[in-house]
PDB file of all heavy atoms in Angstrom:
ATOM      1  N   VAL A   1      -6.348  10.999 -10.467  1.00  0.00           N
ATOM      2  CA  VAL A   1      -7.203   9.866 -10.104  1.00  0.00           C
ATOM      3  C   VAL A   1      -6.722   9.238  -8.795  1.00  0.00           C
ATOM      4  O   VAL A   1      -5.517   9.128  -8.544  1.00  0.00           O
ATOM      5  CB  VAL A   1      -7.181   8.804 -11.227  1.00  0.00           C
ATOM      6  CG1 VAL A   1      -7.987   7.578 -10.834  1.00  0.00           C
ATOM      7  CG2 VAL A   1      -7.718   9.401 -12.519  1.00  0.00           C
ATOM      8  N   LEU A   2      -7.657   8.813  -7.948  1.00  0.00           N
ATOM      9  CA  LEU A   2      -7.313   8.135  -6.707  1.00  0.00           C
ATOM     10  C   LEU A   2      -6.724   6.759  -7.003  1.00  0.00           C
ATOM     11  O   LEU A   2      -7.112   6.094  -7.968  1.00  0.00           O
ATOM     12  CB  LEU A   2      -8.553   7.970  -5.829  1.00  0.00           C
ATOM     13  CG  LEU A   2      -9.165   9.246  -5.248  1.00  0.00           C
ATOM     14  CD1 LEU A   2     -10.463   8.920  -4.508  1.00  0.00           C
ATOM     15  CD2 LEU A   2      -8.184   9.943  -4.312  1.00  0.00           C
ATOM     16  N   PHE A   3      -5.803   6.336  -6.122  1.00  0.00           N
ATOM     17  CA  PHE A   3      -5.175   5.026  -6.309  1.00  0.00           C
ATOM     18  C   PHE A   3      -5.335   4.164  -5.062  1.00  0.00           C
ATOM     19  O   PHE A   3      -5.050   4.610  -3.940  1.00  0.00           O
ATOM     20  CB  PHE A   3      -3.689   5.162  -6.642  1.00  0.00           C
ATOM     21  CG  PHE A   3      -3.021   3.829  -6.854  1.00  0.00           C
ATOM     22  CD1 PHE A   3      -3.204   3.144  -8.043  1.00  0.00           C
ATOM     23  CD2 PHE A   3      -2.272   3.244  -5.852  1.00  0.00           C
ATOM     24  CE1 PHE A   3      -2.628   1.894  -8.231  1.00  0.00           C
ATOM     25  CE2 PHE A   3      -1.693   1.989  -6.032  1.00  0.00           C
ATOM     26  CZ  PHE A   3      -1.874   1.324  -7.229  1.00  0.00           C
ATOM     27  N   HIS A   4      -5.779   2.925  -5.266  1.00  0.00           N
ATOM     28  CA  HIS A   4      -5.956   1.951  -4.187  1.00  0.00           C
ATOM     29  C   HIS A   4      -5.122   0.709  -4.467  1.00  0.00           C
ATOM     30  O   HIS A   4      -4.969   0.301  -5.619  1.00  0.00           O
ATOM     31  CB  HIS A   4      -7.437   1.537  -4.082  1.00  0.00           C
ATOM     32  CG  HIS A   4      -7.649   0.268  -3.312  1.00  0.00           C
ATOM     33  ND1 HIS A   4      -7.947  -0.942  -3.928  1.00  0.00           N
ATOM     34  CD2 HIS A   4      -7.599   0.002  -1.980  1.00  0.00           C
ATOM     35  CE1 HIS A   4      -8.082  -1.883  -3.008  1.00  0.00           C
ATOM     36  NE2 HIS A   4      -7.888  -1.332  -1.824  1.00  0.00           N
ATOM     37  N   THR A   5      -4.578   0.128  -3.405  1.00  0.00           N
ATOM     38  CA  THR A   5      -3.894  -1.151  -3.554  1.00  0.00           C
ATOM     39  C   THR A   5      -4.429  -2.159  -2.543  1.00  0.00           C
ATOM     40  O   THR A   5      -4.619  -1.846  -1.363  1.00  0.00           O
ATOM     41  CB  THR A   5      -2.365  -0.999  -3.397  1.00  0.00           C
ATOM     42  OG1 THR A   5      -1.740  -2.245  -3.751  1.00  0.00           O
ATOM     43  CG2 THR A   5      -1.958  -0.611  -1.987  1.00  0.00           C
ATOM     44  N   ASP A   6      -4.703  -3.355  -3.026  1.00  0.00           N
ATOM     45  CA  ASP A   6      -5.081  -4.482  -2.181  1.00  0.00           C
ATOM     46  C   ASP A   6      -3.768  -5.080  -1.669  1.00  0.00           C
ATOM     47  O   ASP A   6      -3.036  -5.722  -2.408  1.00  0.00           O
ATOM     48  CB  ASP A   6      -5.863  -5.494  -3.016  1.00  0.00           C
ATOM     49  CG  ASP A   6      -6.252  -6.747  -2.237  1.00  0.00           C
ATOM     50  OD1 ASP A   6      -5.577  -7.062  -1.239  1.00  0.00           O
ATOM     51  OD2 ASP A   6      -7.200  -7.436  -2.650  1.00  0.00           O
ATOM     52  N   ALA A   7      -3.485  -4.836  -0.387  1.00  0.00           N
ATOM     53  CA  ALA A   7      -2.223  -5.306   0.207  1.00  0.00           C
ATOM     54  C   ALA A   7      -2.444  -6.491   1.132  1.00  0.00           C
ATOM     55  O   ALA A   7      -1.626  -6.752   2.026  1.00  0.00           O
ATOM     56  CB  ALA A   7      -1.555  -4.166   0.969  1.00  0.00           C
ATOM     57  N   VAL A   8      -3.522  -7.225   0.909  1.00  0.00           N
ATOM     58  CA  VAL A   8      -3.879  -8.334   1.789  1.00  0.00           C
ATOM     59  C   VAL A   8      -2.755  -9.362   1.891  1.00  0.00           C
ATOM     60  O   VAL A   8      -2.453  -9.862   2.976  1.00  0.00           O
ATOM     61  CB  VAL A   8      -5.190  -8.999   1.314  1.00  0.00           C
ATOM     62  CG1 VAL A   8      -5.421 -10.334   2.010  1.00  0.00           C
ATOM     63  CG2 VAL A   8      -6.369  -8.064   1.566  1.00  0.00           C
ATOM     64  N   GLN A   9      -2.124  -9.707   0.767  1.00  0.00           N
ATOM     65  CA  GLN A   9      -1.052 -10.697   0.802  1.00  0.00           C
ATOM     66  C   GLN A   9       0.274 -10.114   1.284  1.00  0.00           C
ATOM     67  O   GLN A   9       1.146 -10.845   1.751  1.00  0.00           O
ATOM     68  CB  GLN A   9      -0.848 -11.294  -0.589  1.00  0.00           C
ATOM     69  CG  GLN A   9      -1.958 -12.221  -1.047  1.00  0.00           C
ATOM     70  CD  GLN A   9      -2.057 -13.483  -0.191  1.00  0.00           C
ATOM     71  OE1 GLN A   9      -1.059 -14.032   0.257  1.00  0.00           O
ATOM     72  NE2 GLN A   9      -3.278 -13.950   0.016  1.00  0.00           N
ATOM     73  N   ALA A  10       0.427  -8.815   1.166  1.00  0.00           N
ATOM     74  CA  ALA A  10       1.722  -8.189   1.437  1.00  0.00           C
ATOM     75  C   ALA A  10       1.886  -7.673   2.859  1.00  0.00           C
ATOM     76  O   ALA A  10       2.969  -7.771   3.445  1.00  0.00           O
ATOM     77  CB  ALA A  10       1.947  -7.040   0.456  1.00  0.00           C
ATOM     78  N   PHE A  11       0.822  -7.104   3.428  1.00  0.00           N
ATOM     79  CA  PHE A  11       0.951  -6.475   4.742  1.00  0.00           C
ATOM     80  C   PHE A  11       1.377  -7.510   5.784  1.00  0.00           C
ATOM     81  O   PHE A  11       0.819  -8.599   5.875  1.00  0.00           O
ATOM     82  CB  PHE A  11      -0.369  -5.836   5.179  1.00  0.00           C
ATOM     83  CG  PHE A  11      -0.257  -5.132   6.504  1.00  0.00           C
ATOM     84  CD1 PHE A  11       0.241  -3.845   6.577  1.00  0.00           C
ATOM     85  CD2 PHE A  11      -0.613  -5.765   7.682  1.00  0.00           C
ATOM     86  CE1 PHE A  11       0.380  -3.193   7.798  1.00  0.00           C
ATOM     87  CE2 PHE A  11      -0.490  -5.139   8.911  1.00  0.00           C
ATOM     88  CZ  PHE A  11       0.012  -3.844   8.966  1.00  0.00           C
ATOM     89  N   GLY A  12       2.380  -7.145   6.573  1.00  0.00           N
ATOM     90  CA  GLY A  12       2.892  -8.050   7.596  1.00  0.00           C
ATOM     91  C   GLY A  12       4.016  -8.933   7.102  1.00  0.00           C
ATOM     92  O   GLY A  12       4.656  -9.637   7.897  1.00  0.00           O
ATOM     93  N   HIS A  13       4.255  -8.919   5.788  1.00  0.00           N
ATOM     94  CA  HIS A  13       5.292  -9.783   5.202  1.00  0.00           C
ATOM     95  C   HIS A  13       6.425  -9.001   4.547  1.00  0.00           C
ATOM     96  O   HIS A  13       7.559  -9.473   4.502  1.00  0.00           O
ATOM     97  CB  HIS A  13       4.652 -10.719   4.179  1.00  0.00           C
ATOM     98  CG  HIS A  13       3.596 -11.600   4.767  1.00  0.00           C
ATOM     99  ND1 HIS A  13       3.890 -12.742   5.495  1.00  0.00           N
ATOM    100  CD2 HIS A  13       2.240 -11.495   4.781  1.00  0.00           C
ATOM    101  CE1 HIS A  13       2.764 -13.302   5.907  1.00  0.00           C
ATOM    102  NE2 HIS A  13       1.750 -12.560   5.496  1.00  0.00           N
ATOM    103  N   ILE A  14       6.107  -7.826   4.030  1.00  0.00           N
ATOM    104  CA  ILE A  14       7.127  -6.950   3.469  1.00  0.00           C
ATOM    105  C   ILE A  14       6.879  -5.537   3.991  1.00  0.00           C
ATOM    106  O   ILE A  14       5.738  -5.191   4.326  1.00  0.00           O
ATOM    107  CB  ILE A  14       7.119  -6.955   1.918  1.00  0.00           C
ATOM    108  CG1 ILE A  14       5.764  -6.481   1.373  1.00  0.00           C
ATOM    109  CG2 ILE A  14       7.475  -8.339   1.382  1.00  0.00           C
ATOM    110  CD1 ILE A  14       5.719  -6.342  -0.137  1.00  0.00           C
ATOM    111  N   PRO A  15       7.905  -4.696   4.080  1.00  0.00           N
ATOM    112  CA  PRO A  15       7.715  -3.328   4.579  1.00  0.00           C
ATOM    113  C   PRO A  15       6.785  -2.526   3.669  1.00  0.00           C
ATOM    114  O   PRO A  15       6.878  -2.609   2.446  1.00  0.00           O
ATOM    115  CB  PRO A  15       9.134  -2.751   4.556  1.00  0.00           C
ATOM    116  CG  PRO A  15      10.041  -3.936   4.562  1.00  0.00           C
ATOM    117  CD  PRO A  15       9.319  -4.996   3.786  1.00  0.00           C
ATOM    118  N   ILE A  16       5.894  -1.750   4.280  1.00  0.00           N
ATOM    119  CA  ILE A  16       4.964  -0.905   3.527  1.00  0.00           C
ATOM    120  C   ILE A  16       4.921   0.473   4.156  1.00  0.00           C
ATOM    121  O   ILE A  16       4.610   0.611   5.346  1.00  0.00           O
ATOM    122  CB  ILE A  16       3.545  -1.507   3.499  1.00  0.00           C
ATOM    123  CG1 ILE A  16       3.541  -2.886   2.823  1.00  0.00           C
ATOM    124  CG2 ILE A  16       2.580  -0.560   2.776  1.00  0.00           C
ATOM    125  CD1 ILE A  16       2.202  -3.591   2.868  1.00  0.00           C
ATOM    126  N   ASP A  17       5.229   1.476   3.360  1.00  0.00           N
ATOM    127  CA  ASP A  17       5.140   2.871   3.780  1.00  0.00           C
ATOM    128  C   ASP A  17       4.178   3.557   2.811  1.00  0.00           C
ATOM    129  O   ASP A  17       4.501   3.740   1.642  1.00  0.00           O
ATOM    130  CB  ASP A  17       6.523   3.530   3.724  1.00  0.00           C
ATOM    131  CG  ASP A  17       6.522   4.969   4.225  1.00  0.00           C
ATOM    132  OD1 ASP A  17       5.527   5.681   3.990  1.00  0.00           O
ATOM    133  OD2 ASP A  17       7.518   5.395   4.832  1.00  0.00           O
ATOM    134  N   VAL A  18       2.999   3.911   3.287  1.00  0.00           N
ATOM    135  CA  VAL A  18       1.980   4.447   2.391  1.00  0.00           C
ATOM    136  C   VAL A  18       2.389   5.794   1.785  1.00  0.00           C
ATOM    137  O   VAL A  18       1.956   6.142   0.680  1.00  0.00           O
ATOM    138  CB  VAL A  18       0.614   4.591   3.113  1.00  0.00           C
ATOM    139  CG1 VAL A  18       0.032   3.220   3.416  1.00  0.00           C
ATOM    140  CG2 VAL A  18       0.742   5.435   4.378  1.00  0.00           C
ATOM    141  N   ASN A  19       3.229   6.531   2.484  1.00  0.00           N
ATOM    142  CA  ASN A  19       3.688   7.809   1.939  1.00  0.00           C
ATOM    143  C   ASN A  19       4.701   7.601   0.821  1.00  0.00           C
ATOM    144  O   ASN A  19       4.668   8.288  -0.195  1.00  0.00           O
ATOM    145  CB  ASN A  19       4.295   8.670   3.053  1.00  0.00           C
ATOM    146  CG  ASN A  19       3.246   9.148   4.035  1.00  0.00           C
ATOM    147  OD1 ASN A  19       2.224   9.691   3.640  1.00  0.00           O
ATOM    148  ND2 ASN A  19       3.476   8.914   5.309  1.00  0.00           N
ATOM    149  N   TYR A  20       5.596   6.635   0.998  1.00  0.00           N
ATOM    150  CA  TYR A  20       6.561   6.328  -0.057  1.00  0.00           C
ATOM    151  C   TYR A  20       5.838   5.771  -1.283  1.00  0.00           C
ATOM    152  O   TYR A  20       6.128   6.157  -2.420  1.00  0.00           O
ATOM    153  CB  TYR A  20       7.590   5.312   0.441  1.00  0.00           C
ATOM    154  CG  TYR A  20       8.516   4.834  -0.650  1.00  0.00           C
ATOM    155  CD1 TYR A  20       9.565   5.630  -1.097  1.00  0.00           C
ATOM    156  CD2 TYR A  20       8.320   3.588  -1.251  1.00  0.00           C
ATOM    157  CE1 TYR A  20      10.404   5.202  -2.121  1.00  0.00           C
ATOM    158  CE2 TYR A  20       9.143   3.154  -2.272  1.00  0.00           C
ATOM    159  CZ  TYR A  20      10.193   3.963  -2.705  1.00  0.00           C
ATOM    160  OH  TYR A  20      11.007   3.533  -3.719  1.00  0.00           O
ATOM    161  N   LEU A  21       4.894   4.874  -1.060  1.00  0.00           N
ATOM    162  CA  LEU A  21       4.160   4.273  -2.179  1.00  0.00           C
ATOM    163  C   LEU A  21       3.230   5.275  -2.842  1.00  0.00           C
ATOM    164  O   LEU A  21       2.925   5.160  -4.025  1.00  0.00           O
ATOM    165  CB  LEU A  21       3.364   3.065  -1.697  1.00  0.00           C
ATOM    166  CG  LEU A  21       4.157   1.849  -1.240  1.00  0.00           C
ATOM    167  CD1 LEU A  21       3.212   0.748  -0.758  1.00  0.00           C
ATOM    168  CD2 LEU A  21       5.058   1.316  -2.352  1.00  0.00           C
ATOM    169  N   GLY A  22       2.739   6.229  -2.068  1.00  0.00           N
ATOM    170  CA  GLY A  22       1.846   7.234  -2.626  1.00  0.00           C
ATOM    171  C   GLY A  22       0.424   6.758  -2.834  1.00  0.00           C
ATOM    172  O   GLY A  22      -0.304   7.297  -3.670  1.00  0.00           O
ATOM    173  N   VAL A  23      -0.007   5.750  -2.071  1.00  0.00           N
ATOM    174  CA  VAL A  23      -1.352   5.211  -2.248  1.00  0.00           C
ATOM    175  C   VAL A  23      -2.368   6.060  -1.487  1.00  0.00           C
ATOM    176  O   VAL A  23      -2.061   6.646  -0.453  1.00  0.00           O
ATOM    177  CB  VAL A  23      -1.438   3.737  -1.785  1.00  0.00           C
ATOM    178  CG1 VAL A  23      -0.482   2.876  -2.591  1.00  0.00           C
ATOM    179  CG2 VAL A  23      -1.133   3.601  -0.296  1.00  0.00           C
ATOM    180  N   ASP A  24      -3.584   6.114  -2.007  1.00  0.00           N
ATOM    181  CA  ASP A  24      -4.670   6.844  -1.351  1.00  0.00           C
ATOM    182  C   ASP A  24      -5.467   5.941  -0.428  1.00  0.00           C
ATOM    183  O   ASP A  24      -6.037   6.402   0.566  1.00  0.00           O
ATOM    184  CB  ASP A  24      -5.604   7.454  -2.398  1.00  0.00           C
ATOM    185  CG  ASP A  24      -4.894   8.474  -3.252  1.00  0.00           C
ATOM    186  OD1 ASP A  24      -4.463   9.499  -2.700  1.00  0.00           O
ATOM    187  OD2 ASP A  24      -4.738   8.234  -4.462  1.00  0.00           O
ATOM    188  N   MET A  25      -5.512   4.634  -0.767  1.00  0.00           N
ATOM    189  CA  MET A  25      -6.240   3.656   0.043  1.00  0.00           C
ATOM    190  C   MET A  25      -5.499   2.330  -0.010  1.00  0.00           C
ATOM    191  O   MET A  25      -4.887   1.995  -1.030  1.00  0.00           O
ATOM    192  CB  MET A  25      -7.671   3.502  -0.470  1.00  0.00           C
ATOM    193  CG  MET A  25      -8.543   4.722  -0.232  1.00  0.00           C
ATOM    194  SD  MET A  25     -10.002   4.779  -1.315  1.00  0.00           S
ATOM    195  CE  MET A  25      -9.260   5.305  -2.857  1.00  0.00           C
TER     196      MET A  25
END
């Protein structure tokens, strides 16, 4: 199943690596 995360509150405030997290969107 595809996985999406709403990172509106997080982006720009904590480090985000989409490959490490494994998110599709």
